Structures are given as C-alpha cells and as structure tokens.
Amino acid sequence: MAEKKSESFTAEEKAAMKQRAKELKANASKEVALKEVLAAFKKMAPADREIGEKLHALVGKVAPQLWAKTWYGMPAYANEDGKVILFYQDAGKFKYRYSTIGFQEHANLDDGAMWASSFAVLKWNSAVEKQVSALIKKAVS
C-alpha cells in the first residue's frame, strides 16, 4: 500500500495565508493600506523600488480614482469597489530577472480574443512611463 502524502499546507502556503489575512485587515482602511504599500517598497531592492515608486506616482497622476493597497504582498491599485486593476511585482519577489506590471480582469484592456495582461519592466524611463500611462488610462476607462 502506498504511503499517503500529508494534506497539510506547506510553509509557503501558510505564510501566504497569513499575509492575505493581514492585508484584508489593512485594506479595510485606505490610509492603512497606503502605509502597507509604502512599507512594501522599502523592502525592495533599490532598482525594483525605483520602478515601483515611479509606477505609484504615475498611478496617482493619471488615475487618482484608484487607491493603493497590498495584494498578496505586492503593491496594487484598486477601483472604488476594491477590485484590483493593476499590481506591481518586483523582480526580487520570486527571484525573476525583471519586475512586472500586471493588470487584472477588471482592467478595460480587452482587445479581441487575446491581449497582454502583464508587462516586464527592466528599467523605468520616459518611453516606459508613456506606455504604462496609456495602459493605465485605458484600464480605467
């Protein structure tokens, strides 16, 4: 008879559940949620932090109706219903070679039968800012 595997959660899964529970409490208040986002930036490597903070400033400029909150430990921006429109995943989070700006299902980016929903960002510059600005504006339209 084969030995049955344990059905308990892994340490990573338990940590993710604890993080999500903490976020649900913090995200109840927009002010506390913003503090959590700013704290998340401080934990990032300098290059990742720079991209994240530039994105944060851009969202405030082009889509002030979105509010900052953490989402699975990542900075994210939600609509008035609390639905995440976009998020920022720093390269260090999963030891990737690039950071990612991702859009969720409530973002208005639909374009036919297929469209991009996340974008790799190696460095923030004026061209990236222009492209991301257009995506955010479309996402909230």
Protein backbone atom coordinates (compact mmCIF):
# COMPACT_ATOMS: atom_id res chain seq x y z
CA MET A 1 0.00 0.00 0.00
CA ALA A 2 1.36 3.41 -1.00
CA GLU A 3 2.07 5.89 1.76
CA LYS A 4 -0.42 8.75 1.83
CA LYS A 5 1.03 12.25 1.46
CA SER A 6 0.29 14.79 4.14
CA GLU A 7 -2.58 17.09 3.22
CA SER A 8 -1.43 19.99 5.38
CA PHE A 9 -0.29 23.29 3.94
CA THR A 10 3.36 24.00 3.12
CA ALA A 11 5.25 26.70 4.98
CA GLU A 12 4.98 28.97 1.91
CA GLU A 13 1.22 28.43 1.67
CA LYS A 14 0.80 29.17 5.39
CA ALA A 15 2.86 32.35 5.02
CA ALA A 16 0.74 33.45 2.03
CA MET A 17 -2.47 32.87 4.00
CA LYS A 18 -1.14 34.90 6.93
CA GLN A 19 -0.08 37.69 4.56
CA ARG A 20 -3.51 37.74 2.89
CA ALA A 21 -5.29 37.85 6.29
CA LYS A 22 -3.09 40.78 7.31
CA GLU A 23 -3.87 42.55 4.04
CA LEU A 24 -7.61 42.12 4.47
CA LYS A 25 -7.37 43.94 7.81
CA ALA A 26 -5.04 46.65 6.48
CA ASN A 27 -7.05 47.18 3.30
CA ALA A 28 -10.17 47.98 5.29
CA SER A 29 -8.74 51.50 5.63
CA LYS A 30 -7.28 53.31 2.60
CA GLU A 31 -4.81 55.13 4.84
CA VAL A 32 -3.52 51.93 6.45
CA ALA A 33 -3.43 50.21 3.05
CA LEU A 34 -1.29 53.04 1.63
CA LYS A 35 1.14 52.66 4.55
CA GLU A 36 1.43 48.95 3.75
CA VAL A 37 2.23 49.74 0.10
CA LEU A 38 4.90 52.27 1.08
CA ALA A 39 6.37 49.72 3.50
CA ALA A 40 6.43 47.11 0.71
CA PHE A 41 8.51 49.48 -1.43
CA LYS A 42 11.04 49.87 1.39
CA LYS A 43 11.62 46.09 1.43
CA MET A 44 12.55 46.01 -2.28
CA ALA A 45 15.98 46.16 -3.84
CA PRO A 46 16.85 49.70 -4.98
CA ALA A 47 16.24 49.09 -8.71
CA ASP A 48 12.87 47.41 -8.02
CA ARG A 49 11.91 50.12 -5.55
CA GLU A 50 12.63 52.83 -8.12
CA ILE A 51 10.31 51.22 -10.68
CA GLY A 52 7.61 50.65 -8.07
CA GLU A 53 7.74 54.19 -6.72
CA LYS A 54 7.65 55.66 -10.25
CA LEU A 55 4.62 53.49 -11.04
CA HIS A 56 2.99 54.59 -7.78
CA ALA A 57 3.47 58.26 -8.67
CA LEU A 58 2.17 57.68 -12.20
CA VAL A 59 -0.99 55.94 -10.99
CA GLY A 60 -1.66 58.89 -8.67
CA LYS A 61 -1.24 61.27 -11.59
CA VAL A 62 -3.22 59.52 -14.35
CA ALA A 63 -5.76 57.51 -12.32
CA PRO A 64 -6.29 59.24 -8.96
CA GLN A 65 -9.56 57.33 -8.55
CA LEU A 66 -7.55 54.16 -7.86
CA TRP A 67 -6.34 53.51 -4.34
CA ALA A 68 -3.19 51.76 -3.26
CA LYS A 69 -3.29 48.53 -1.30
CA THR A 70 -1.24 45.38 -0.99
CA TRP A 71 -2.38 42.26 -2.79
CA TYR A 72 -0.57 39.02 -1.93
CA GLY A 73 2.24 41.21 -0.61
CA MET A 74 2.53 43.25 -3.81
CA PRO A 75 1.64 46.92 -4.29
CA ALA A 76 -1.65 47.08 -6.16
CA TYR A 77 -4.21 49.68 -7.22
CA ALA A 78 -7.92 49.08 -6.88
CA ASN A 79 -11.13 50.73 -8.01
CA GLU A 80 -13.78 52.03 -5.62
CA ASP A 81 -15.23 48.51 -5.32
CA GLY A 82 -11.86 47.28 -4.06
CA LYS A 83 -11.21 45.26 -7.24
CA VAL A 84 -7.54 45.22 -8.22
CA ILE A 85 -6.96 46.88 -11.58
CA LEU A 86 -3.18 46.66 -11.66
CA PHE A 87 -0.32 45.45 -9.49
CA TYR A 88 3.44 45.64 -9.31
CA GLN A 89 5.56 42.53 -8.73
CA ASP A 90 9.18 43.35 -8.04
CA ALA A 91 11.87 41.12 -9.53
CA GLY A 92 13.07 40.11 -6.08
CA LYS A 93 9.72 38.66 -5.01
CA PHE A 94 10.27 35.41 -6.91
CA LYS A 95 13.90 35.99 -7.92
CA TYR A 96 12.98 36.89 -11.53
CA ARG A 97 15.24 38.88 -13.80
CA TYR A 98 12.58 41.56 -14.30
CA SER A 99 9.78 43.30 -12.46
CA THR A 100 6.23 43.01 -13.74
CA ILE A 101 3.32 45.40 -14.06
CA GLY A 102 0.19 43.29 -14.31
CA PHE A 103 -3.46 44.04 -14.96
CA GLN A 104 -6.39 42.09 -13.57
CA GLU A 105 -9.71 41.17 -15.12
CA HIS A 106 -11.41 44.43 -14.11
CA ALA A 107 -8.95 46.46 -16.21
CA ASN A 108 -10.50 47.55 -19.51
CA LEU A 109 -7.72 46.22 -21.72
CA ASP A 110 -9.78 43.71 -23.69
CA ASP A 111 -8.78 43.73 -27.35
CA GLY A 112 -10.35 40.96 -29.39
CA ALA A 113 -9.78 37.35 -28.44
CA MET A 114 -6.29 37.90 -26.95
CA TRP A 115 -4.38 40.73 -25.23
CA ALA A 116 -1.43 41.21 -22.92
CA SER A 117 -2.17 41.43 -19.20
CA SER A 118 1.35 41.80 -17.80
CA PHE A 119 4.50 43.57 -18.86
CA ALA A 120 8.14 43.02 -17.92
CA VAL A 121 9.97 46.18 -16.85
CA LEU A 122 13.74 46.23 -16.59
CA LYS A 123 14.17 49.96 -16.09
CA TRP A 124 11.88 52.99 -15.80
CA ASN A 125 12.41 55.67 -18.43
CA SER A 126 10.27 58.19 -20.33
CA ALA A 127 9.27 55.67 -23.00
CA VAL A 128 8.16 53.15 -20.37
CA GLU A 129 6.29 55.87 -18.49
CA LYS A 130 4.45 56.91 -21.66
CA GLN A 131 3.47 53.32 -22.48
CA VAL A 132 2.39 52.49 -18.92
CA SER A 133 0.45 55.76 -18.69
CA ALA A 134 -1.55 54.82 -21.80
CA LEU A 135 -2.24 51.34 -20.41
CA ILE A 136 -3.45 52.71 -17.06
CA LYS A 137 -5.71 55.26 -18.77
CA LYS A 138 -7.22 52.51 -20.94
CA ALA A 139 -7.53 50.16 -17.95
CA VAL A 140 -9.67 52.64 -16.00
CA SER A 141 -11.70 53.92 -18.98
